[in-house]
Amino acid sequence: MKRLLNLNTVYIAATIIVLGAVLVPLAVESYNLRTQGINYFTTNIEDYYNNAQPVDGEHTIEIDLNNLKSNKEKVLFNDGENQIYVSKVIEHNTNEYELLFTSKGDYSLGGATLVSGLEYKYSKDSLISEFQARAKAVYSGDTYQLSPSEDSSDAEEFGFNLEFADDPLLDSEEERKIEVTVTNLYVNIWAEK
């Protein structure tokens, strides 16, 4: 009769147990990272340091008010690792628009970077966000200040409201393209503790 447990069987079983103990938690964390995106870091503050720095410069994009869908995925910012692009432009009322942007960052289990209109920082053992970006639009030689959108509470999404005074040019069928300039973006950095 063969021995049920020989030394090779014990080594194989021990190896499987050790690999399982290491790989299962890693697989769970990787799954959480994939499903939650950058929100994985904003809600997991006990395991990651956070730092935020302003991004220098002005970032300009042309928005076509005649064809709102054509603005989707126009790139506002791209540094090779982080991007900000138009997710949609919504017309709420005559001469009232909402410009929504999506931020895509670079992240792994070791940390993340994200350039956004929001700055993340610690305050009394919690991570809070502050809307920091500023925007203006130029149309037909006039400059309009944009206000933050009410939907600007997600690290990966932020936006602005644009309201024109009653302008007969905007009511015409002529080309209605505006230049939107965004400043005061922030690069948010998370690093594993």
Protein backbone atom coordinates (compact mmCIF):
# COMPACT_ATOMS: atom_id res chain seq x y z
CA MET A 1 0.00 0.00 0.00
CA LYS A 2 1.34 3.40 -1.00
CA ARG A 3 1.73 6.07 1.52
CA LEU A 4 -1.05 8.63 1.16
CA LEU A 5 1.13 11.50 2.21
CA ASN A 6 4.62 11.56 0.91
CA LEU A 7 7.00 14.51 1.09
CA ASN A 8 6.26 15.72 -2.45
CA THR A 9 2.54 15.92 -1.71
CA VAL A 10 3.21 18.01 1.41
CA TYR A 11 5.43 20.41 -0.56
CA ILE A 12 2.83 20.81 -3.30
CA ALA A 13 0.03 21.42 -0.80
CA ALA A 14 2.13 23.96 1.12
CA THR A 15 3.01 25.77 -2.11
CA ILE A 16 -0.66 25.94 -3.11
CA ILE A 17 -1.63 27.31 0.31
CA VAL A 18 1.11 29.97 0.27
CA LEU A 19 0.33 31.05 -3.30
CA GLY A 20 -3.38 31.18 -2.48
CA ALA A 21 -2.74 33.32 0.61
CA VAL A 22 -0.75 35.78 -1.51
CA LEU A 23 -2.65 35.74 -4.79
CA VAL A 24 -6.27 35.73 -3.55
CA PRO A 25 -6.02 39.08 -1.69
CA LEU A 26 -4.09 40.56 -4.62
CA ALA A 27 -6.78 39.37 -7.04
CA VAL A 28 -9.53 40.86 -4.85
CA GLU A 29 -7.72 44.22 -4.65
CA SER A 30 -7.12 44.21 -8.42
CA TYR A 31 -10.79 43.50 -9.04
CA ASN A 32 -11.81 46.34 -6.71
CA LEU A 33 -9.42 48.71 -8.47
CA ARG A 34 -10.79 47.78 -11.91
CA THR A 35 -14.43 48.15 -10.90
CA GLN A 36 -14.07 51.34 -8.82
CA GLY A 37 -11.43 53.18 -10.87
CA ILE A 38 -9.95 56.23 -9.21
CA ASN A 39 -12.70 56.13 -6.56
CA TYR A 40 -10.82 53.14 -5.12
CA PHE A 41 -8.19 55.62 -3.86
CA THR A 42 -10.58 58.35 -2.74
CA THR A 43 -12.42 55.89 -0.48
CA ASN A 44 -9.37 53.91 0.69
CA ILE A 45 -7.56 56.72 2.50
CA GLU A 46 -6.06 54.58 5.26
CA ASP A 47 -3.80 52.76 2.78
CA TYR A 48 -2.69 55.66 0.54
CA TYR A 49 -1.00 59.03 0.96
CA ASN A 50 -2.51 61.90 -1.02
CA ASN A 51 -0.94 65.01 -2.49
CA ALA A 52 -2.35 67.55 -4.93
CA GLN A 53 -0.58 70.18 -7.00
CA PRO A 54 -1.93 72.81 -9.41
CA VAL A 55 -1.27 72.29 -13.11
CA ASP A 56 0.27 75.32 -14.80
CA GLY A 57 -1.17 76.85 -17.92
CA GLU A 58 -4.38 77.47 -19.78
CA HIS A 59 -6.11 74.68 -21.66
CA THR A 60 -8.39 75.69 -24.53
CA ILE A 61 -10.94 73.76 -26.53
CA GLU A 62 -13.41 74.78 -29.24
CA ILE A 63 -17.06 73.90 -28.60
CA ASP A 64 -19.58 73.77 -31.45
CA LEU A 65 -22.99 74.91 -30.20
CA ASN A 66 -24.68 74.00 -33.53
CA ASN A 67 -23.78 70.33 -33.18
CA LEU A 68 -23.49 69.43 -29.50
CA LYS A 69 -22.74 65.74 -30.11
CA SER A 70 -19.69 66.63 -32.22
CA ASN A 71 -17.94 67.89 -29.08
CA LYS A 72 -17.86 64.47 -27.43
CA GLU A 73 -14.31 63.24 -26.70
CA LYS A 74 -12.58 66.47 -27.74
CA VAL A 75 -9.38 66.57 -25.69
CA LEU A 76 -8.88 69.46 -23.27
CA PHE A 77 -5.74 68.10 -21.54
CA ASN A 78 -3.28 65.29 -22.26
CA ASP A 79 0.11 64.84 -20.62
CA GLY A 80 0.64 61.28 -21.85
CA GLU A 81 -0.63 59.65 -18.63
CA ASN A 82 -3.65 61.78 -17.75
CA GLN A 83 -6.36 63.04 -20.06
CA ILE A 84 -9.39 65.30 -19.78
CA TYR A 85 -11.94 65.22 -22.55
CA VAL A 86 -15.47 66.44 -23.20
CA SER A 87 -18.02 63.82 -22.19
CA LYS A 88 -21.03 65.85 -23.34
CA VAL A 89 -22.47 69.30 -23.86
CA ILE A 90 -26.09 69.75 -22.82
CA GLU A 91 -28.41 72.59 -23.78
CA HIS A 92 -30.73 73.23 -20.82
CA ASN A 93 -32.60 76.31 -22.05
CA THR A 94 -32.09 78.83 -24.79
CA ASN A 95 -28.55 80.16 -24.37
CA GLU A 96 -27.85 77.95 -21.29
CA TYR A 97 -25.39 75.08 -21.64
CA GLU A 98 -23.60 72.60 -19.42
CA LEU A 99 -20.14 71.38 -20.42
CA LEU A 100 -19.15 68.08 -18.79
CA PHE A 101 -15.61 66.74 -18.76
CA THR A 102 -14.24 63.28 -17.91
CA SER A 103 -10.78 62.76 -16.41
CA LYS A 104 -8.81 59.58 -17.02
CA GLY A 105 -5.75 58.92 -14.92
CA ASP A 106 -2.99 56.42 -14.47
CA TYR A 107 -3.45 53.94 -11.64
CA SER A 108 -2.26 50.63 -10.24
CA LEU A 109 -2.29 49.04 -6.79
CA GLY A 110 0.82 51.08 -5.94
CA GLY A 111 -0.90 54.42 -6.48
CA ALA A 112 -2.53 56.76 -8.95
CA THR A 113 -2.46 60.16 -10.62
CA LEU A 114 -5.45 62.07 -11.91
CA VAL A 115 -5.66 65.56 -13.39
CA SER A 116 -9.05 67.04 -12.63
CA GLY A 117 -10.96 70.21 -11.87
CA LEU A 118 -11.12 68.94 -8.30
CA GLU A 119 -8.40 69.04 -5.65
CA TYR A 120 -8.36 66.20 -3.12
CA LYS A 121 -6.85 66.79 0.32
CA TYR A 122 -7.00 65.44 3.87
CA SER A 123 -9.03 67.22 6.50
CA LYS A 124 -9.41 65.70 9.98
CA ASP A 125 -8.75 62.10 8.91
CA SER A 126 -10.99 62.27 5.86
CA LEU A 127 -10.41 63.03 2.21
CA ILE A 128 -12.39 65.98 0.85
CA SER A 129 -12.63 67.48 -2.60
CA GLU A 130 -12.76 71.12 -3.58
CA PHE A 131 -13.72 72.36 -7.02
CA GLN A 132 -10.72 74.46 -8.11
CA ALA A 133 -10.91 74.79 -11.90
CA ARG A 134 -11.90 78.08 -13.49
CA ALA A 135 -13.27 78.52 -16.99
CA LYS A 136 -14.21 81.26 -19.40
CA ALA A 137 -15.72 81.22 -22.86
CA VAL A 138 -15.09 83.63 -25.71
CA TYR A 139 -17.80 84.07 -28.32
CA SER A 140 -17.99 86.81 -30.91
CA GLY A 141 -15.40 88.88 -29.02
CA ASP A 142 -17.28 88.72 -25.70
CA THR A 143 -15.96 86.84 -22.67
CA TYR A 144 -18.26 84.85 -20.39
CA GLN A 145 -17.29 83.39 -17.01
CA LEU A 146 -18.47 79.83 -16.45
CA SER A 147 -19.70 78.56 -13.08
CA PRO A 148 -19.10 75.06 -11.67
CA SER A 149 -21.76 72.51 -12.52
CA GLU A 150 -23.80 71.01 -9.69
CA ASP A 151 -22.72 67.55 -10.89
CA SER A 152 -19.05 68.28 -10.14
CA SER A 153 -18.55 66.01 -7.14
CA ASP A 154 -16.84 63.01 -8.74
CA ALA A 155 -13.06 62.82 -9.18
CA GLU A 156 -13.44 61.57 -12.73
CA GLU A 157 -16.13 64.06 -13.80
CA PHE A 158 -16.53 67.80 -13.50
CA GLY A 159 -18.27 70.48 -15.47
CA PHE A 160 -19.28 74.07 -15.98
CA ASN A 161 -22.45 75.99 -16.69
CA LEU A 162 -22.41 78.57 -19.46
CA GLU A 163 -25.15 81.15 -19.68
CA PHE A 164 -25.23 83.75 -22.42
CA ALA A 165 -27.12 87.00 -22.08
CA ASP A 166 -29.87 87.30 -24.69
CA ASP A 167 -27.80 87.60 -27.82
CA PRO A 168 -29.49 87.68 -31.23
CA LEU A 169 -26.36 86.17 -32.80
CA LEU A 170 -26.85 83.02 -30.74
CA ASP A 171 -30.41 82.65 -32.03
CA SER A 172 -29.29 82.74 -35.66
CA GLU A 173 -28.31 79.73 -37.74
CA GLU A 174 -24.78 81.06 -38.24
CA GLU A 175 -21.75 79.17 -37.06
CA ARG A 176 -21.79 79.16 -33.26
CA LYS A 177 -18.39 78.05 -32.04
CA ILE A 178 -16.97 79.19 -28.74
CA GLU A 179 -13.51 78.88 -27.25
CA VAL A 180 -13.51 77.57 -23.69
CA THR A 181 -10.36 78.08 -21.63
CA VAL A 182 -9.90 76.13 -18.40
CA THR A 183 -7.29 77.01 -15.79
CA ASN A 184 -6.39 75.90 -12.27
CA LEU A 185 -6.57 72.16 -12.90
CA TYR A 186 -5.05 69.93 -10.21
CA VAL A 187 -2.97 66.78 -10.42
CA ASN A 188 -4.02 64.49 -7.57
CA ILE A 189 -1.46 61.87 -6.56
CA TRP A 190 -2.02 58.80 -4.39
CA ALA A 191 0.87 56.62 -3.20
CA GLU A 192 0.74 53.46 -1.15
CA LYS A 193 1.68 53.88 2.52
